[in-house]
C-alpha atoms as a PDB file:
ATOM      1  CA  MET A   1       0.000   0.000   0.000  1.00  0.00           C
ATOM      2  CA  SER A   2       2.685   2.492  -0.972  1.00  0.00           C
ATOM      3  CA  ASP A   3       0.595   4.366  -3.548  1.00  0.00           C
ATOM      4  CA  THR A   4      -0.482   7.849  -2.588  1.00  0.00           C
ATOM      5  CA  MET A   5      -4.197   8.182  -1.953  1.00  0.00           C
ATOM      6  CA  TYR A   6      -5.546  11.605  -2.937  1.00  0.00           C
ATOM      7  CA  VAL A   7      -8.413  12.874  -0.790  1.00  0.00           C
ATOM      8  CA  THR A   8     -10.176  16.086   0.065  1.00  0.00           C
ATOM      9  CA  LYS A   9      -9.834  17.547   3.552  1.00  0.00           C
ATOM     10  CA  GLU A  10     -13.407  16.412   4.351  1.00  0.00           C
ATOM     11  CA  THR A  11     -12.687  12.794   3.407  1.00  0.00           C
ATOM     12  CA  PHE A  12      -9.427  12.819   5.351  1.00  0.00           C
ATOM     13  CA  ASP A  13     -11.278  14.079   8.428  1.00  0.00           C
ATOM     14  CA  LYS A  14     -13.922  11.334   8.009  1.00  0.00           C
ATOM     15  CA  LEU A  15     -11.202   8.675   7.810  1.00  0.00           C
ATOM     16  CA  ARG A  16      -9.581   9.994  10.991  1.00  0.00           C
ATOM     17  CA  GLU A  17     -12.950  10.084  12.795  1.00  0.00           C
ATOM     18  CA  GLU A  18     -13.680   6.504  11.729  1.00  0.00           C
ATOM     19  CA  LEU A  19     -10.266   5.350  12.966  1.00  0.00           C
ATOM     20  CA  HIS A  20     -10.777   7.163  16.276  1.00  0.00           C
ATOM     21  CA  ARG A  21     -14.201   5.508  16.703  1.00  0.00           C
ATOM     22  CA  MET A  22     -12.768   2.072  15.950  1.00  0.00           C
ATOM     23  CA  LYS A  23     -10.009   2.524  18.508  1.00  0.00           C
ATOM     24  CA  THR A  24     -12.040   4.166  21.281  1.00  0.00           C
ATOM     25  CA  VAL A  25     -15.471   2.533  20.912  1.00  0.00           C
ATOM     26  CA  ASP A  26     -15.307  -0.633  18.819  1.00  0.00           C
ATOM     27  CA  ARG A  27     -12.030  -2.027  20.231  1.00  0.00           C
ATOM     28  CA  PRO A  28     -13.134  -1.827  23.912  1.00  0.00           C
ATOM     29  CA  ALA A  29     -16.543  -3.305  22.991  1.00  0.00           C
ATOM     30  CA  SER A  30     -14.779  -6.199  21.273  1.00  0.00           C
ATOM     31  CA  SER A  31     -12.628  -6.822  24.346  1.00  0.00           C
ATOM     32  CA  ARG A  32     -15.728  -6.810  26.582  1.00  0.00           C
ATOM     33  CA  ALA A  33     -17.447  -9.329  24.275  1.00  0.00           C
ATOM     34  CA  ILE A  34     -14.458 -11.661  24.543  1.00  0.00           C
ATOM     35  CA  ALA A  35     -14.357 -11.297  28.336  1.00  0.00           C
ATOM     36  CA  GLU A  36     -18.086 -12.052  28.645  1.00  0.00           C
ATOM     37  CA  ALA A  37     -17.778 -15.104  26.393  1.00  0.00           C
ATOM     38  CA  ARG A  38     -14.738 -16.324  28.348  1.00  0.00           C
ATOM     39  CA  GLU A  39     -16.769 -16.253  31.570  1.00  0.00           C
ATOM     40  CA  LYS A  40     -19.298 -18.690  30.094  1.00  0.00           C
ATOM     41  CA  GLY A  41     -17.075 -21.704  30.530  1.00  0.00           C
ATOM     42  CA  ASP A  42     -14.938 -24.104  28.506  1.00  0.00           C
ATOM     43  CA  LEU A  43     -13.236 -22.234  25.663  1.00  0.00           C
ATOM     44  CA  LYS A  44     -12.891 -25.373  23.530  1.00  0.00           C
ATOM     45  CA  GLU A  45     -16.623 -25.595  22.925  1.00  0.00           C
ATOM     46  CA  ASN A  46     -17.543 -21.933  23.236  1.00  0.00           C
ATOM     47  CA  ALA A  47     -18.828 -20.683  19.870  1.00  0.00           C
ATOM     48  CA  GLU A  48     -19.551 -17.240  21.304  1.00  0.00           C
ATOM     49  CA  TYR A  49     -15.896 -16.885  22.331  1.00  0.00           C
ATOM     50  CA  ASP A  50     -14.698 -17.996  18.876  1.00  0.00           C
ATOM     51  CA  ALA A  51     -17.035 -15.517  17.178  1.00  0.00           C
ATOM     52  CA  ALA A  52     -15.885 -12.677  19.452  1.00  0.00           C
ATOM     53  CA  LYS A  53     -12.210 -13.477  18.770  1.00  0.00           C
ATOM     54  CA  GLU A  54     -12.876 -13.585  15.016  1.00  0.00           C
ATOM     55  CA  ALA A  55     -14.719 -10.238  15.157  1.00  0.00           C
ATOM     56  CA  GLN A  56     -11.794  -8.766  17.081  1.00  0.00           C
ATOM     57  CA  GLY A  57      -9.367 -10.006  14.422  1.00  0.00           C
ATOM     58  CA  MET A  58     -11.450  -8.443  11.666  1.00  0.00           C
ATOM     59  CA  LEU A  59     -11.655  -5.145  13.559  1.00  0.00           C
ATOM     60  CA  GLU A  60      -7.882  -5.066  14.053  1.00  0.00           C
ATOM     61  CA  ALA A  61      -7.377  -5.735  10.320  1.00  0.00           C
ATOM     62  CA  LYS A  62      -9.722  -2.837   9.466  1.00  0.00           C
ATOM     63  CA  ILE A  63      -7.860  -0.556  11.870  1.00  0.00           C
ATOM     64  CA  LYS A  64      -4.521  -1.492  10.310  1.00  0.00           C
ATOM     65  CA  GLN A  65      -5.876  -0.905   6.780  1.00  0.00           C
ATOM     66  CA  LEU A  66      -7.315   2.483   7.755  1.00  0.00           C
ATOM     67  CA  GLU A  67      -4.057   3.507   9.416  1.00  0.00           C
ATOM     68  CA  GLY A  68      -2.254   2.597   6.183  1.00  0.00           C
ATOM     69  CA  SER A  69      -4.704   4.621   4.115  1.00  0.00           C
ATOM     70  CA  ILE A  70      -4.319   7.654   6.363  1.00  0.00           C
ATOM     71  CA  SER A  71      -0.535   7.414   6.307  1.00  0.00           C
ATOM     72  CA  THR A  72      -0.451   7.489   2.481  1.00  0.00           C
ATOM     73  CA  ALA A  73      -3.167  10.129   2.095  1.00  0.00           C
ATOM     74  CA  LYS A  74      -2.391  13.398   0.380  1.00  0.00           C
ATOM     75  CA  ILE A  75      -4.892  16.184   0.902  1.00  0.00           C
ATOM     76  CA  ILE A  76      -5.788  18.034  -2.269  1.00  0.00           C
ATOM     77  CA  ASP A  77      -6.887  21.667  -2.021  1.00  0.00           C
ATOM     78  CA  ALA A  78      -9.457  22.690  -4.647  1.00  0.00           C
ATOM     79  CA  SER A  79      -8.021  26.218  -4.857  1.00  0.00           C
ATOM     80  CA  SER A  80      -4.667  24.940  -6.147  1.00  0.00           C
ATOM     81  CA  ILE A  81      -6.062  22.869  -9.034  1.00  0.00           C
ATOM     82  CA  ASP A  82      -5.000  23.631 -12.606  1.00  0.00           C
ATOM     83  CA  THR A  83      -8.060  23.435 -14.900  1.00  0.00           C
ATOM     84  CA  SER A  84      -6.085  23.623 -18.140  1.00  0.00           C
ATOM     85  CA  LYS A  85      -5.955  19.821 -18.122  1.00  0.00           C
ATOM     86  CA  VAL A  86      -7.796  16.970 -16.420  1.00  0.00           C
ATOM     87  CA  THR A  87      -6.367  16.287 -12.950  1.00  0.00           C
ATOM     88  CA  ILE A  88      -7.646  14.879  -9.711  1.00  0.00           C
ATOM     89  CA  LEU A  89     -10.622  16.848  -8.273  1.00  0.00           C
ATOM     90  CA  THR A  90     -11.459  18.480 -11.599  1.00  0.00           C
ATOM     91  CA  LYS A  91     -14.939  18.145 -13.049  1.00  0.00           C
ATOM     92  CA  VAL A  92     -14.741  17.053 -16.646  1.00  0.00           C
ATOM     93  CA  THR A  93     -17.576  17.066 -19.149  1.00  0.00           C
ATOM     94  CA  ILE A  94     -17.072  14.398 -21.781  1.00  0.00           C
ATOM     95  CA  THR A  95     -18.963  13.168 -24.835  1.00  0.00           C
ATOM     96  CA  ASN A  96     -18.980   9.500 -25.768  1.00  0.00           C
ATOM     97  CA  MET A  97     -18.040   9.594 -29.453  1.00  0.00           C
ATOM     98  CA  ALA A  98     -20.060   6.439 -30.259  1.00  0.00           C
ATOM     99  CA  THR A  99     -23.333   7.358 -28.519  1.00  0.00           C
ATOM    100  CA  LYS A 100     -22.952  11.181 -28.506  1.00  0.00           C
ATOM    101  CA  LYS A 101     -24.042  11.101 -24.849  1.00  0.00           C
ATOM    102  CA  THR A 102     -22.545  13.852 -22.683  1.00  0.00           C
ATOM    103  CA  VAL A 103     -21.805  13.346 -18.979  1.00  0.00           C
ATOM    104  CA  THR A 104     -19.907  15.230 -16.293  1.00  0.00           C
ATOM    105  CA  TYR A 105     -17.693  13.451 -13.786  1.00  0.00           C
ATOM    106  CA  GLN A 106     -15.469  14.637 -11.002  1.00  0.00           C
ATOM    107  CA  LEU A 107     -12.218  12.721 -10.736  1.00  0.00           C
ATOM    108  CA  VAL A 108     -11.562  11.829  -7.115  1.00  0.00           C
ATOM    109  CA  GLY A 109      -9.480   9.439  -5.053  1.00  0.00           C
ATOM    110  CA  GLU A 110     -10.525   5.815  -4.661  1.00  0.00           C
ATOM    111  CA  LYS A 111     -12.096   6.347  -1.212  1.00  0.00           C
ATOM    112  CA  GLU A 112     -14.375   9.124  -2.490  1.00  0.00           C
ATOM    113  CA  ALA A 113     -15.607   7.502  -5.699  1.00  0.00           C
ATOM    114  CA  ASP A 114     -19.412   7.361  -5.955  1.00  0.00           C
ATOM    115  CA  LEU A 115     -20.918   7.032  -9.418  1.00  0.00           C
ATOM    116  CA  LYS A 116     -24.359   8.117  -8.189  1.00  0.00           C
ATOM    117  CA  LEU A 117     -22.828  11.458  -7.210  1.00  0.00           C
ATOM    118  CA  GLY A 118     -20.889  11.725 -10.472  1.00  0.00           C
ATOM    119  CA  LYS A 119     -17.557  11.023  -8.789  1.00  0.00           C
ATOM    120  CA  ILE A 120     -15.257   8.493 -10.440  1.00  0.00           C
ATOM    121  CA  SER A 121     -11.897   7.271  -9.259  1.00  0.00           C
ATOM    122  CA  ALA A 122      -8.865   8.734 -11.002  1.00  0.00           C
ATOM    123  CA  GLY A 123      -7.556   5.147 -10.969  1.00  0.00           C
ATOM    124  CA  SER A 124     -10.559   3.757 -12.871  1.00  0.00           C
ATOM    125  CA  PRO A 125     -10.167   2.983 -16.598  1.00  0.00           C
ATOM    126  CA  ILE A 126     -12.078   6.148 -17.589  1.00  0.00           C
ATOM    127  CA  GLY A 127     -10.265   8.225 -14.957  1.00  0.00           C
ATOM    128  CA  LYS A 128      -6.861   7.010 -16.157  1.00  0.00           C
ATOM    129  CA  GLY A 129      -7.815   7.680 -19.768  1.00  0.00           C
ATOM    130  CA  LEU A 130      -8.907  11.249 -19.004  1.00  0.00           C
ATOM    131  CA  MET A 131      -5.970  12.285 -16.791  1.00  0.00           C
ATOM    132  CA  GLY A 132      -3.807  14.920 -18.437  1.00  0.00           C
ATOM    133  CA  LYS A 133      -6.184  15.546 -21.349  1.00  0.00           C
ATOM    134  CA  VAL A 134      -7.120  19.088 -22.412  1.00  0.00           C
ATOM    135  CA  VAL A 135     -10.395  20.490 -23.799  1.00  0.00           C
ATOM    136  CA  GLY A 136     -11.034  19.165 -27.310  1.00  0.00           C
ATOM    137  CA  GLU A 137      -8.741  16.157 -26.918  1.00  0.00           C
ATOM    138  CA  ILE A 138     -10.017  12.603 -27.464  1.00  0.00           C
ATOM    139  CA  ALA A 139      -9.385  10.072 -24.676  1.00  0.00           C
ATOM    140  CA  GLU A 140      -9.279   6.413 -25.652  1.00  0.00           C
ATOM    141  CA  VAL A 141     -10.317   4.097 -22.839  1.00  0.00           C
ATOM    142  CA  GLN A 142      -9.845   0.340 -22.946  1.00  0.00           C
ATOM    143  CA  ALA A 143     -13.097  -1.262 -21.801  1.00  0.00           C
ATOM    144  CA  PRO A 144     -14.136  -4.933 -21.687  1.00  0.00           C
ATOM    145  CA  ASN A 145     -16.167  -4.456 -24.877  1.00  0.00           C
ATOM    146  CA  GLY A 146     -13.358  -2.666 -26.736  1.00  0.00           C
ATOM    147  CA  VAL A 147     -11.915   0.815 -26.985  1.00  0.00           C
ATOM    148  CA  MET A 148     -14.253   3.672 -26.059  1.00  0.00           C
ATOM    149  CA  LYS A 149     -13.528   7.224 -27.225  1.00  0.00           C
ATOM    150  CA  PHE A 150     -14.482  10.296 -25.211  1.00  0.00           C
ATOM    151  CA  ARG A 151     -14.066  13.934 -26.228  1.00  0.00           C
ATOM    152  CA  VAL A 152     -13.178  16.336 -23.409  1.00  0.00           C
ATOM    153  CA  ASP A 153     -15.670  19.229 -23.670  1.00  0.00           C
ATOM    154  CA  ASP A 154     -15.044  21.155 -20.451  1.00  0.00           C
ATOM    155  CA  ILE A 155     -12.815  21.130 -17.389  1.00  0.00           C
ATOM    156  CA  SER A 156     -13.790  22.963 -14.208  1.00  0.00           C
ATOM    157  CA  ILE A 157     -13.563  22.727 -10.426  1.00  0.00           C
END
């Protein structure tokens, strides 16, 4: 996990809040669940104890993953974005050359991607194909059904 993860300040704050909650609320609750299950008798045949230990292991793995994400995060400031070309956090209006359908996407980091909100990951096939393009340029994107061509119509913040 050495790749830089680009995020907005809001997303970074949400990640830190989630990590804090996991460490201060979820971790102690997991420990209590194990202690309660341990009190119920023989650990060899105690399914509740096994389930609590497994849940604790999963929680610790999530905490470790989140800590890794936070450590590689780079906060992007919208005021410092160059709109002369497609970069992370820019909104790009593109036209599918085959269907003539026009859509607008915002290129964001992986953790912020949400297609319903028009946010696609800069690491997605379309995101990668659009990065660095300027208005009027054609981006060729390799898709499972072949090469798709998109014309960049507008770049904004």
